Amino acid sequence: MPKILVSDKLGEEGVSLLRNHGEVDVKTGLPPEELLSIIGNYDALVVRSETKVSSDVIEAGVKLQVIGRAGVGVDNIDLQAATHKGIAVVNAPTGNTIAAAEHTVAMMMALARNIPQANESLHKGEWTRSAFTGIELRNRVLGVIGLGKVGIEVARRAIGLDMQVTGYDPFVPEEYASSIGIQLKSLDDIYKDSDFICLHTPLTESTRGLIGEKQIAMMKPTVRILNVARGELIDEQALAEAVDKGQVAGAALDVFTKEPPVDSPLLNNPKIITTPHLGASTEEAQAQVAIEVAEQVITVLSGKSARYTLNAPLVLPEGQATLSPYISPAIYAGKIATQLTKGQLKKINIRYEGEIANHDTNILKAACLVGFLDQISQERVNLVNANLLASQRGLNITEQKATQIEQYSSLITVEVESSEGKTIVSTSHIRDETHIVRVNDYWIDLVATSGYMLFTDHHDRPGMIGSLGTITGKHDINIAFMEVGRLEPRGRATMIVGLDDPMPQEALTEINDLPDVISTSVVQI
């Protein structure tokens, strides 16, 4: 059973699910040096935001297949290092969506009505109602920066509160935003026109410091700023000074550049409301996030492609049912093609035909490359790093698509061009099985299995099958199946023979010496 390390607090629902599929150790609060010393024993690592999964940790995790982040952001994981090592990084992007959206709205209401300040004053025995006069949200302009799952849910709730919602996200179509009730604007217009601004973007180099001194200078002095995403999105010093000077009316922050925010200037102003990273802290969200990340980890450990793998080609939901069954055929096509190819590699062409050609086929490209590179690479190759390893090798890869095809609903073809000619392998998914349907010029129909396969190129003549069977029998090699294809009677032909046992060179030499045998190749899957 795979060994799984849970190094941050995870909902018991997720831990129980993991225990049904592996040996689980829950060790929270590990010092970095202790994590480094033990990570080599584990196949999977599950974290939240506390554990820092550095390149050193990834390098030490020699058995790691997957790193699961129970939440959305993965800025505490070295994604590039994981990709290079072929380790899948998965997250749980939907489990805490509603919790984060509701917390944002709660913070906005608290900010508008001075609720925390009034509560603290009353606890002190004061009764100063006039000091806490607030504003209404109705008809106020809310600028939502980042229209992902959380941003959209915040917008929906704000529209229900009769707010005017504007948004910025370069990856969201205007028609989609408009259908929800969001008016897309430029970042500068968001800064200039908003009464409230909330941030819901991931942390990247382009979003770091999204709000700083320059952006604050563009805002109205009545603006109120909310951040329930990532602390680094805001220049905290610039925001603190702006609130102190009255350039910003107030702020509500759930996240900070350094957590906990010891000695932060944000804690010294009563106009800044703060909470200790509570965006996902609901009972429902904790359970859902734990289950979601556990399911992703289990999927990867079982050898499948997880839906929320962040460093592997994305399969959109609408393409999932069509493309997923063709991952195995794509891997088979790559494995067989590379083992049949002789000579110096020049070019690889991948052709997608039929229904699969209507979708983004990047996952199938990666699968073909997994099969191809697995035979020639000393590094572990999987859907995560196949494209990267192919790029590092300088492979010349082209792709073609055709939506129309006869006989098959979909077909994947790998063509490998070398100094000695072209090798062609086509595969398909038929009746829940992977079928090899073409080898070079020969159309066949063979269910793909693991083990050894002998491929012959020969002239069709009586007795050829018997002659080959005699040689394999003499060497105690058991034949599992046989498939024959030919261009015409007594013309050029191929024979694919499934073997239960490896074929020694002596037996292969005898087969090559048979009259009319042109060439042979042994493929191992």
Protein backbone atom coordinates (compact mmCIF):
# COMPACT_ATOMS: atom_id res chain seq x y z
CA MET A 1 0.00 0.00 0.00
CA PRO A 2 1.23 3.54 -0.69
CA LYS A 3 2.46 5.61 2.26
CA ILE A 4 0.86 9.02 2.72
CA LEU A 5 2.10 11.83 4.97
CA VAL A 6 -0.38 14.47 6.17
CA SER A 7 1.77 17.29 7.55
CA ASP A 8 -0.92 19.93 8.24
CA LYS A 9 -4.29 19.70 9.97
CA LEU A 10 -6.77 17.97 7.66
CA GLY A 11 -10.44 17.20 8.21
CA GLU A 12 -11.02 13.69 9.53
CA GLU A 13 -13.27 12.97 6.55
CA GLY A 14 -10.26 13.30 4.25
CA VAL A 15 -7.90 11.36 6.51
CA SER A 16 -10.38 8.46 6.73
CA LEU A 17 -10.71 8.39 2.96
CA LEU A 18 -6.93 8.26 2.55
CA ARG A 19 -6.67 5.44 5.10
CA ASN A 20 -8.96 3.33 2.93
CA HIS A 21 -6.36 3.50 0.17
CA GLY A 22 -3.00 3.65 1.92
CA GLU A 23 -0.92 3.78 5.07
CA VAL A 24 -1.40 7.29 6.53
CA ASP A 25 0.81 9.16 9.01
CA VAL A 26 -0.52 12.44 10.41
CA LYS A 27 2.42 14.54 11.64
CA THR A 28 1.61 18.22 11.94
CA GLY A 29 3.97 21.04 12.83
CA LEU A 30 7.09 19.26 11.58
CA PRO A 31 10.30 21.34 11.62
CA PRO A 32 11.73 21.67 8.07
CA GLU A 33 14.74 19.48 8.89
CA GLU A 34 12.51 16.66 10.20
CA LEU A 35 10.28 16.81 7.11
CA LEU A 36 13.40 16.53 4.95
CA SER A 37 14.61 13.52 6.89
CA ILE A 38 11.38 11.49 6.53
CA ILE A 39 9.81 12.56 3.22
CA GLY A 40 11.79 9.94 1.28
CA ASN A 41 9.60 7.23 2.81
CA TYR A 42 6.32 8.53 1.35
CA ASP A 43 4.47 8.22 -1.94
CA ALA A 44 2.20 11.19 -1.24
CA LEU A 45 2.27 14.38 0.83
CA VAL A 46 -0.84 16.32 1.86
CA VAL A 47 -0.48 19.89 3.15
CA ARG A 48 -2.45 23.05 3.77
CA SER A 49 -0.69 26.43 3.86
CA GLU A 50 1.64 25.86 6.83
CA THR A 51 4.08 23.30 5.37
CA LYS A 52 6.58 24.76 2.91
CA VAL A 53 7.25 22.21 0.18
CA SER A 54 10.55 23.55 -1.10
CA SER A 55 12.74 22.19 -3.88
CA ASP A 56 14.85 20.51 -1.17
CA VAL A 57 11.80 18.66 0.13
CA ILE A 58 10.86 17.62 -3.40
CA GLU A 59 14.41 16.45 -4.14
CA ALA A 60 14.40 14.38 -0.94
CA GLY A 61 11.00 12.87 -1.77
CA VAL A 62 12.43 10.17 -4.00
CA LYS A 63 9.20 8.12 -3.88
CA LEU A 64 6.75 11.03 -4.12
CA GLN A 65 4.11 10.69 -6.81
CA VAL A 66 1.74 13.42 -5.70
CA ILE A 67 1.54 16.48 -3.44
CA GLY A 68 -1.97 17.47 -2.37
CA ARG A 69 -2.86 20.99 -1.22
CA ALA A 70 -6.05 21.10 0.85
CA GLY A 71 -7.14 24.47 -0.50
CA VAL A 72 -6.67 26.62 -3.58
CA GLY A 73 -3.32 28.44 -3.56
CA VAL A 74 -0.10 26.47 -3.97
CA ASP A 75 2.44 29.25 -3.42
CA ASN A 76 3.89 27.19 -0.55
CA ILE A 77 4.81 24.43 -3.06
CA ASP A 78 7.69 24.69 -5.55
CA LEU A 79 5.59 23.83 -8.59
CA GLN A 80 8.50 23.97 -11.04
CA ALA A 81 10.61 21.56 -9.00
CA ALA A 82 7.67 19.16 -8.67
CA THR A 83 7.02 19.27 -12.41
CA HIS A 84 10.66 18.56 -13.20
CA LYS A 85 10.58 15.50 -10.92
CA GLY A 86 7.33 14.26 -12.41
CA ILE A 87 5.38 14.78 -9.18
CA ALA A 88 1.73 15.74 -9.64
CA VAL A 89 0.53 18.71 -7.59
CA VAL A 90 -3.22 18.67 -6.94
CA ASN A 91 -5.45 21.00 -4.98
CA ALA A 92 -9.05 21.35 -3.82
CA PRO A 93 -10.29 24.45 -5.64
CA THR A 94 -14.02 24.14 -5.06
CA GLY A 95 -14.34 22.92 -1.47
CA ASN A 96 -13.93 26.31 0.22
CA THR A 97 -15.44 28.52 -2.52
CA ILE A 98 -18.65 29.39 -0.69
CA ALA A 99 -16.89 29.80 2.66
CA ALA A 100 -14.39 32.28 1.19
CA ALA A 101 -17.13 34.18 -0.66
CA GLU A 102 -19.32 34.44 2.44
CA HIS A 103 -16.38 35.58 4.54
CA THR A 104 -15.63 38.32 2.02
CA VAL A 105 -19.22 39.56 2.18
CA ALA A 106 -19.17 39.36 5.97
CA MET A 107 -15.96 41.42 6.07
CA MET A 108 -17.49 43.95 3.67
CA MET A 109 -20.56 44.37 5.85
CA ALA A 110 -18.46 44.64 9.00
CA LEU A 111 -16.33 47.28 7.27
CA ALA A 112 -19.36 49.25 6.07
CA ARG A 113 -21.06 49.28 9.50
CA ASN A 114 -17.99 49.40 11.81
CA ILE A 115 -19.22 46.28 13.61
CA PRO A 116 -15.92 45.12 15.23
CA GLN A 117 -15.13 48.64 16.50
CA ALA A 118 -18.63 49.11 17.89
CA ASN A 119 -18.50 45.70 19.56
CA GLU A 120 -15.17 46.51 21.23
CA SER A 121 -16.45 49.89 22.40
CA LEU A 122 -19.56 48.41 23.95
CA HIS A 123 -17.49 45.75 25.73
CA LYS A 124 -15.57 48.61 27.32
CA GLY A 125 -18.83 49.99 28.73
CA GLU A 126 -19.10 52.83 26.21
CA TRP A 127 -22.25 53.94 24.37
CA THR A 128 -21.04 56.13 21.50
CA ARG A 129 -23.46 55.44 18.68
CA SER A 130 -22.51 58.47 16.60
CA ALA A 131 -18.89 57.35 16.40
CA PHE A 132 -19.86 54.27 14.38
CA THR A 133 -22.15 55.65 11.71
CA GLY A 134 -21.72 53.45 8.66
CA ILE A 135 -22.70 53.35 5.02
CA GLU A 136 -25.14 51.22 3.06
CA LEU A 137 -23.98 48.72 0.46
CA ARG A 138 -26.97 49.37 -1.79
CA ASN A 139 -25.97 51.22 -4.99
CA ARG A 140 -22.29 51.18 -4.02
CA VAL A 141 -19.79 50.09 -6.68
CA LEU A 142 -17.91 46.89 -5.90
CA GLY A 143 -14.81 46.20 -8.00
CA VAL A 144 -13.96 42.49 -8.05
CA ILE A 145 -10.40 41.79 -9.22
CA GLY A 146 -10.21 38.13 -10.25
CA LEU A 147 -13.36 36.41 -11.49
CA GLY A 148 -12.55 32.84 -10.60
CA LYS A 149 -14.87 30.66 -8.54
CA VAL A 150 -14.69 32.81 -5.38
CA GLY A 151 -14.81 36.13 -7.21
CA ILE A 152 -17.91 35.06 -9.12
CA GLU A 153 -19.69 33.92 -5.94
CA VAL A 154 -18.85 37.22 -4.22
CA ALA A 155 -20.22 39.09 -7.23
CA ARG A 156 -23.47 37.10 -7.16
CA ARG A 157 -24.01 37.90 -3.50
CA ALA A 158 -23.17 41.57 -3.98
CA ILE A 159 -25.67 41.81 -6.83
CA GLY A 160 -28.25 40.37 -4.43
CA LEU A 161 -27.43 43.26 -2.09
CA ASP A 162 -28.22 45.75 -4.90
CA MET A 163 -24.60 46.69 -5.41
CA GLN A 164 -23.22 47.70 -8.81
CA VAL A 165 -20.59 45.06 -9.56
CA THR A 166 -17.67 45.67 -11.90
CA GLY A 167 -14.90 43.18 -12.49
CA TYR A 168 -11.47 42.66 -13.97
CA ASP A 169 -10.18 39.35 -15.29
CA PRO A 170 -8.46 39.06 -18.67
CA PHE A 171 -9.41 35.38 -18.97
CA VAL A 172 -13.18 35.78 -18.58
CA PRO A 173 -15.33 36.41 -21.70
CA GLU A 174 -17.41 39.57 -21.57
CA GLU A 175 -20.57 37.63 -22.42
CA TYR A 176 -20.11 35.33 -19.42
CA ALA A 177 -19.52 38.20 -17.00
CA SER A 178 -22.48 40.10 -18.40
CA SER A 179 -24.77 37.09 -18.00
CA ILE A 180 -24.07 37.17 -14.25
CA GLY A 181 -24.49 40.93 -13.99
CA ILE A 182 -20.85 41.97 -13.89
CA GLN A 183 -19.56 44.83 -16.03
CA LEU A 184 -15.96 44.18 -17.09
CA LYS A 185 -13.60 47.13 -16.74
CA SER A 186 -9.88 47.83 -16.90
CA LEU A 187 -7.83 47.68 -13.72
CA ASP A 188 -7.36 51.45 -13.77
CA ASP A 189 -11.13 51.98 -13.98
CA ILE A 190 -11.65 49.54 -11.09
CA TYR A 191 -9.21 51.56 -9.00
CA LYS A 192 -10.76 54.91 -9.94
CA ASP A 193 -14.47 54.14 -9.71
CA SER A 194 -14.97 51.60 -6.91
CA ASP A 195 -16.38 52.18 -3.46
CA PHE A 196 -15.23 48.71 -2.41
CA ILE A 197 -12.44 46.66 -3.99
CA CYS A 198 -11.95 42.96 -3.26
CA LEU A 199 -9.12 40.75 -4.48
CA HIS A 200 -9.62 37.15 -5.62
CA THR A 201 -6.60 36.37 -7.81
CA PRO A 202 -3.91 33.71 -7.34
CA LEU A 203 -0.45 34.87 -6.29
CA THR A 204 1.84 35.15 -9.29
CA GLU A 205 4.65 37.49 -10.24
CA SER A 206 2.15 39.61 -12.18
CA THR A 207 -0.31 39.87 -9.26
CA ARG A 208 2.19 40.41 -6.45
CA GLY A 209 1.73 43.96 -5.15
CA LEU A 210 -1.46 44.41 -7.16
CA ILE A 211 -2.44 47.24 -4.83
CA GLY A 212 0.37 49.57 -3.80
CA GLU A 213 1.14 53.25 -3.51
CA LYS A 214 0.61 53.94 -7.23
CA GLN A 215 -2.76 52.20 -7.37
CA ILE A 216 -3.98 53.75 -4.11
CA ALA A 217 -3.23 57.22 -5.52
CA MET A 218 -5.83 56.51 -8.25
CA MET A 219 -8.61 55.61 -5.77
CA LYS A 220 -11.32 57.68 -4.16
CA PRO A 221 -10.58 58.56 -0.50
CA THR A 222 -13.85 56.81 0.41
CA VAL A 223 -12.71 53.47 -0.98
CA ARG A 224 -12.62 50.40 1.22
CA ILE A 225 -10.31 47.47 0.35
CA LEU A 226 -10.82 43.77 1.11
CA ASN A 227 -8.41 40.87 0.76
CA VAL A 228 -9.42 37.26 1.48
CA ALA A 229 -7.03 35.77 -1.11
CA ARG A 230 -3.26 36.18 -0.59
CA GLY A 231 -1.45 38.72 1.59
CA GLU A 232 1.24 39.45 -1.00
CA LEU A 233 -1.35 40.93 -3.36
CA ILE A 234 -1.18 44.15 -1.34
CA ASP A 235 1.74 46.35 -0.33
CA GLU A 236 0.89 46.26 3.38
CA GLN A 237 3.03 49.23 4.36
CA ALA A 238 1.52 51.39 1.63
CA LEU A 239 -2.02 50.38 2.67
CA ALA A 240 -1.38 51.06 6.35
CA GLU A 241 0.00 54.53 5.58
CA ALA A 242 -2.90 55.31 3.22
CA VAL A 243 -5.47 54.44 5.90
CA ASP A 244 -3.55 56.50 8.47
CA LYS A 245 -3.54 59.52 6.13
CA GLY A 246 -7.21 59.17 5.12
CA GLN A 247 -6.40 58.24 1.52
CA VAL A 248 -8.32 54.99 2.08
CA ALA A 249 -11.45 54.91 4.26
CA GLY A 250 -10.82 51.42 5.60
CA ALA A 251 -9.68 47.89 4.90
CA ALA A 252 -10.64 44.35 5.86
CA LEU A 253 -7.93 41.71 5.64
CA ASP A 254 -8.01 37.97 6.25
CA VAL A 255 -4.55 37.22 4.83
CA PHE A 256 -1.08 38.68 5.33
CA THR A 257 2.35 38.58 3.77
CA LYS A 258 3.69 37.01 6.93
CA GLU A 259 1.40 34.85 9.04
CA PRO A 260 0.89 35.40 11.87
CA PRO A 261 1.41 39.14 11.18
CA VAL A 262 3.64 39.94 14.16
CA ASP A 263 4.43 43.68 14.42
CA SER A 264 2.42 44.41 11.28
CA PRO A 265 1.41 48.08 10.81
CA LEU A 266 -2.00 46.78 9.75
CA LEU A 267 -2.84 45.88 13.36
CA ASN A 268 -2.47 49.42 14.71
CA ASN A 269 -5.37 51.19 13.00
CA PRO A 270 -8.98 50.71 14.15
CA LYS A 271 -10.16 51.37 10.58
CA ILE A 272 -8.50 48.12 9.46
CA ILE A 273 -10.45 44.97 10.32
CA THR A 274 -8.40 41.79 10.52
CA THR A 275 -9.15 38.09 10.88
CA PRO A 276 -6.62 35.22 11.18
CA HIS A 277 -6.98 33.59 7.73
CA LEU A 278 -10.54 32.38 8.32
CA GLY A 279 -11.70 32.36 4.68
CA ALA A 280 -12.03 28.57 4.56
CA SER A 281 -12.78 28.08 8.24
CA THR A 282 -16.28 26.68 8.22
CA GLU A 283 -17.21 23.18 9.24
CA GLU A 284 -18.62 22.50 5.78
CA ALA A 285 -15.55 23.82 3.94
CA GLN A 286 -13.06 21.94 6.10
CA ALA A 287 -14.86 18.67 5.42
CA GLN A 288 -15.30 19.33 1.70
CA VAL A 289 -11.70 20.47 1.12
CA ALA A 290 -10.36 17.42 2.96
CA ILE A 291 -12.51 15.04 0.90
CA GLU A 292 -11.70 16.80 -2.36
CA VAL A 293 -7.92 16.75 -1.92
CA ALA A 294 -8.01 13.14 -0.68
CA GLU A 295 -9.91 12.08 -3.79
CA GLN A 296 -7.34 13.82 -6.01
CA VAL A 297 -4.41 12.14 -4.23
CA ILE A 298 -6.05 8.71 -4.43
CA THR A 299 -6.70 9.19 -8.15
CA VAL A 300 -3.04 9.94 -8.86
CA LEU A 301 -1.80 7.05 -6.69
CA SER A 302 -4.05 4.71 -8.67
CA GLY A 303 -2.28 5.74 -11.87
CA LYS A 304 -4.99 8.01 -13.25
CA SER A 305 -5.10 11.69 -14.15
CA ALA A 306 -6.68 13.81 -11.41
CA ARG A 307 -9.11 16.53 -12.40
CA TYR A 308 -7.34 19.29 -10.48
CA THR A 309 -3.71 18.49 -11.32
CA LEU A 310 -2.03 21.90 -11.50
CA ASN A 311 1.14 20.93 -13.34
CA ALA A 312 -0.31 18.55 -15.94
CA PRO A 313 -2.38 19.33 -19.03
CA LEU A 314 -5.87 20.40 -18.04
CA VAL A 315 -8.86 18.41 -19.24
CA LEU A 316 -11.88 20.70 -19.24
CA PRO A 317 -15.07 19.17 -17.80
CA GLU A 318 -16.77 19.15 -21.21
CA GLY A 319 -13.91 17.07 -22.66
CA GLN A 320 -13.41 14.73 -19.72
CA ALA A 321 -15.74 11.92 -20.85
CA THR A 322 -14.39 11.96 -24.41
CA LEU A 323 -10.65 12.32 -23.77
CA SER A 324 -10.01 10.28 -20.61
CA PRO A 325 -10.62 6.85 -22.26
CA TYR A 326 -7.98 7.71 -24.87
CA ILE A 327 -5.12 8.36 -22.44
CA SER A 328 -4.26 4.65 -22.33
CA PRO A 329 -4.42 4.21 -26.13
CA ALA A 330 -2.17 7.26 -26.52
CA ILE A 331 0.42 5.80 -24.12
CA TYR A 332 0.32 2.44 -25.97
CA ALA A 333 0.81 4.16 -29.33
CA GLY A 334 3.88 5.98 -28.02
CA LYS A 335 5.36 2.87 -26.37
CA ILE A 336 5.00 0.70 -29.45
CA ALA A 337 6.11 3.35 -31.94
CA THR A 338 9.36 4.13 -30.15
CA GLN A 339 10.29 0.44 -29.85
CA LEU A 340 9.57 -0.25 -33.52
CA THR A 341 11.55 2.77 -34.71
CA LYS A 342 15.04 2.15 -36.04
CA GLY A 343 17.66 4.74 -36.92
CA GLN A 344 18.16 8.35 -35.82
CA LEU A 345 14.99 10.13 -34.72
CA LYS A 346 13.99 13.13 -36.83
CA LYS A 347 10.37 13.99 -36.11
CA ILE A 348 7.27 12.86 -34.23
CA ASN A 349 3.81 13.61 -35.61
CA ILE A 350 0.70 12.94 -33.52
CA ARG A 351 -2.63 12.81 -35.33
CA TYR A 352 -6.03 12.98 -33.59
CA GLU A 353 -9.05 11.91 -35.65
CA GLY A 354 -12.74 11.73 -34.90
CA GLU A 355 -14.57 13.01 -31.84
CA ILE A 356 -11.39 13.66 -29.80
CA ALA A 357 -10.28 16.21 -32.40
CA ASN A 358 -13.07 18.54 -31.25
CA HIS A 359 -11.34 19.06 -27.88
CA ASP A 360 -8.08 20.40 -26.45
CA THR A 361 -5.88 17.33 -26.92
CA ASN A 362 -2.85 18.46 -24.91
CA ILE A 363 -3.46 15.69 -22.36
CA LEU A 364 -3.31 13.12 -25.18
CA LYS A 365 -0.10 14.64 -26.51
CA ALA A 366 1.40 14.24 -23.03
CA ALA A 367 0.16 10.64 -22.90
CA CYS A 368 1.79 9.82 -26.26
CA LEU A 369 5.03 11.34 -25.02
CA VAL A 370 4.80 9.32 -21.78
CA GLY A 371 4.78 6.15 -23.86
CA PHE A 372 7.53 7.38 -26.15
CA LEU A 373 9.91 8.75 -23.50
CA ASP A 374 9.36 5.96 -20.98
CA GLN A 375 11.47 3.70 -23.21
CA ILE A 376 14.39 6.10 -23.59
CA SER A 377 14.50 8.35 -20.50
CA GLN A 378 16.33 7.60 -17.28
CA GLU A 379 13.95 9.93 -15.43
CA ARG A 380 10.47 9.00 -14.28
CA VAL A 381 8.06 10.07 -17.01
CA ASN A 382 4.37 10.76 -16.50
CA LEU A 383 1.62 13.13 -17.63
CA VAL A 384 3.09 15.84 -15.40
CA ASN A 385 6.55 16.15 -16.89
CA ALA A 386 6.29 14.51 -20.33
CA ASN A 387 6.02 17.80 -22.23
CA LEU A 388 8.89 19.31 -20.24
CA LEU A 389 11.18 16.32 -20.84
CA ALA A 390 10.32 16.29 -24.54
CA SER A 391 11.18 19.98 -24.76
CA GLN A 392 14.48 19.44 -22.93
CA ARG A 393 15.39 16.73 -25.45
CA GLY A 394 14.59 19.10 -28.31
CA LEU A 395 12.10 16.69 -29.85
CA ASN A 396 10.49 17.94 -33.05
CA ILE A 397 6.79 17.31 -32.44
CA THR A 398 3.91 18.26 -34.70
CA GLU A 399 0.20 17.63 -34.29
CA GLN A 400 -2.72 17.25 -36.69
CA LYS A 401 -6.47 17.04 -36.22
CA ALA A 402 -9.29 15.71 -38.39
CA THR A 403 -12.84 15.47 -37.08
CA GLN A 404 -14.01 13.01 -39.74
CA ILE A 405 -12.91 9.36 -39.77
CA GLU A 406 -14.40 6.09 -41.00
CA GLN A 407 -14.82 2.93 -38.88
CA TYR A 408 -13.75 4.47 -35.53
CA SER A 409 -15.31 7.09 -33.29
CA SER A 410 -11.78 8.36 -32.54
CA LEU A 411 -8.25 7.37 -33.52
CA ILE A 412 -4.79 8.32 -32.25
CA THR A 413 -1.84 7.88 -34.60
CA VAL A 414 1.83 8.33 -33.74
CA GLU A 415 4.16 8.69 -36.72
CA VAL A 416 7.88 8.59 -36.00
CA GLU A 417 10.19 9.67 -38.80
CA SER A 418 13.80 8.50 -38.56
CA SER A 419 16.86 8.12 -40.74
CA GLU A 420 15.60 4.66 -41.72
CA GLY A 421 12.06 5.60 -42.62
CA LYS A 422 8.68 6.09 -40.95
CA THR A 423 6.97 4.07 -38.23
CA ILE A 424 3.20 4.38 -37.82
CA VAL A 425 1.10 3.09 -34.91
CA SER A 426 -2.62 3.81 -34.49
CA THR A 427 -4.73 2.95 -31.45
CA SER A 428 -8.34 3.42 -30.39
CA HIS A 429 -10.74 2.80 -27.50
CA ILE A 430 -13.30 0.11 -28.32
CA ARG A 431 -15.67 -1.63 -25.89
CA ASP A 432 -13.76 -0.27 -22.87
CA GLU A 433 -10.45 -1.66 -24.14
CA THR A 434 -7.38 -0.25 -25.86
CA HIS A 435 -7.05 -1.64 -29.40
CA ILE A 436 -4.00 -1.50 -31.67
CA VAL A 437 -5.55 -0.99 -35.09
CA ARG A 438 -2.67 -0.06 -37.37
CA VAL A 439 1.04 -0.82 -37.61
CA ASN A 440 2.75 0.91 -40.52
CA ASP A 441 0.74 0.08 -43.66
CA TYR A 442 -1.22 -2.79 -42.08
CA TRP A 443 -4.70 -2.39 -40.56
CA ILE A 444 -5.32 -4.90 -37.78
CA ASP A 445 -7.44 -5.23 -34.62
CA LEU A 446 -5.60 -6.33 -31.51
CA VAL A 447 -6.49 -5.77 -27.85
CA ALA A 448 -3.47 -4.19 -26.18
CA THR A 449 -2.05 -6.13 -23.25
CA SER A 450 1.07 -6.03 -21.15
CA GLY A 451 3.98 -8.38 -21.77
CA TYR A 452 6.03 -9.07 -24.90
CA MET A 453 5.01 -8.77 -28.53
CA LEU A 454 6.95 -9.94 -31.58
CA PHE A 455 6.38 -7.87 -34.73
CA THR A 456 7.45 -9.36 -38.06
CA ASP A 457 7.62 -7.85 -41.51
CA HIS A 458 7.58 -10.66 -44.07
CA HIS A 459 6.25 -11.98 -47.36
CA ASP A 460 3.00 -13.90 -46.99
CA ARG A 461 3.53 -17.57 -47.83
CA PRO A 462 2.13 -20.93 -46.67
CA GLY A 463 3.80 -22.31 -43.54
CA MET A 464 5.10 -19.02 -42.16
CA ILE A 465 2.97 -19.18 -39.01
CA GLY A 466 3.90 -22.83 -38.46
CA SER A 467 7.60 -22.12 -38.90
CA LEU A 468 7.50 -19.36 -36.31
CA GLY A 469 5.51 -21.55 -33.90
CA THR A 470 8.07 -24.32 -34.24
CA ILE A 471 10.90 -21.98 -33.21
CA THR A 472 9.05 -20.53 -30.21
CA GLY A 473 8.05 -24.04 -29.10
CA LYS A 474 11.64 -25.26 -29.33
CA HIS A 475 12.72 -22.41 -27.03
CA ASP A 476 9.81 -22.99 -24.59
CA ILE A 477 8.22 -19.60 -25.40
CA ASN A 478 4.46 -19.65 -24.94
CA ILE A 479 2.34 -17.78 -27.49
CA ALA A 480 -0.60 -15.87 -25.97
CA PHE A 481 -2.16 -14.57 -29.20
CA MET A 482 -1.42 -13.90 -32.86
CA GLU A 483 -2.67 -11.26 -35.29
CA VAL A 484 -1.84 -11.20 -39.01
CA GLY A 485 -2.23 -8.34 -41.46
CA ARG A 486 -1.36 -8.21 -45.14
CA LEU A 487 -1.66 -5.90 -48.10
CA GLU A 488 -2.62 -8.70 -50.52
CA PRO A 489 -2.44 -12.53 -50.70
CA ARG A 490 1.19 -13.72 -50.92
CA GLY A 491 2.30 -10.11 -50.71
CA ARG A 492 3.89 -8.02 -47.95
CA ALA A 493 2.50 -8.91 -44.51
CA THR A 494 2.95 -8.40 -40.79
CA MET A 495 2.49 -10.75 -37.86
CA ILE A 496 2.08 -9.65 -34.23
CA VAL A 497 2.64 -12.46 -31.75
CA GLY A 498 1.93 -12.05 -28.04
CA LEU A 499 4.46 -13.85 -25.86
CA ASP A 500 4.21 -14.89 -22.23
CA ASP A 501 7.99 -15.16 -22.01
CA PRO A 502 10.92 -12.99 -23.13
CA MET A 503 12.47 -14.01 -26.43
CA PRO A 504 16.20 -14.86 -26.30
CA GLN A 505 18.42 -13.49 -29.04
CA GLU A 506 19.07 -17.03 -30.33
CA ALA A 507 15.37 -17.56 -31.07
CA LEU A 508 15.05 -14.14 -32.68
CA THR A 509 18.02 -14.90 -34.94
CA GLU A 510 16.38 -18.15 -36.07
CA ILE A 511 13.17 -16.29 -36.94
CA ASN A 512 15.11 -13.65 -38.87
CA ASP A 513 16.81 -16.45 -40.83
CA LEU A 514 13.47 -17.84 -42.02
CA PRO A 515 12.88 -17.46 -45.77
CA ASP A 516 10.85 -14.34 -46.66
CA VAL A 517 11.27 -12.71 -43.22
CA ILE A 518 12.33 -9.09 -43.83
CA SER A 519 12.70 -7.82 -40.27
CA THR A 520 11.57 -8.44 -36.69
CA SER A 521 11.15 -6.33 -33.56
CA VAL A 522 10.29 -7.28 -29.99
CA VAL A 523 8.20 -4.79 -28.02
CA GLN A 524 7.77 -4.91 -24.24
CA ILE A 525 4.82 -3.18 -22.58
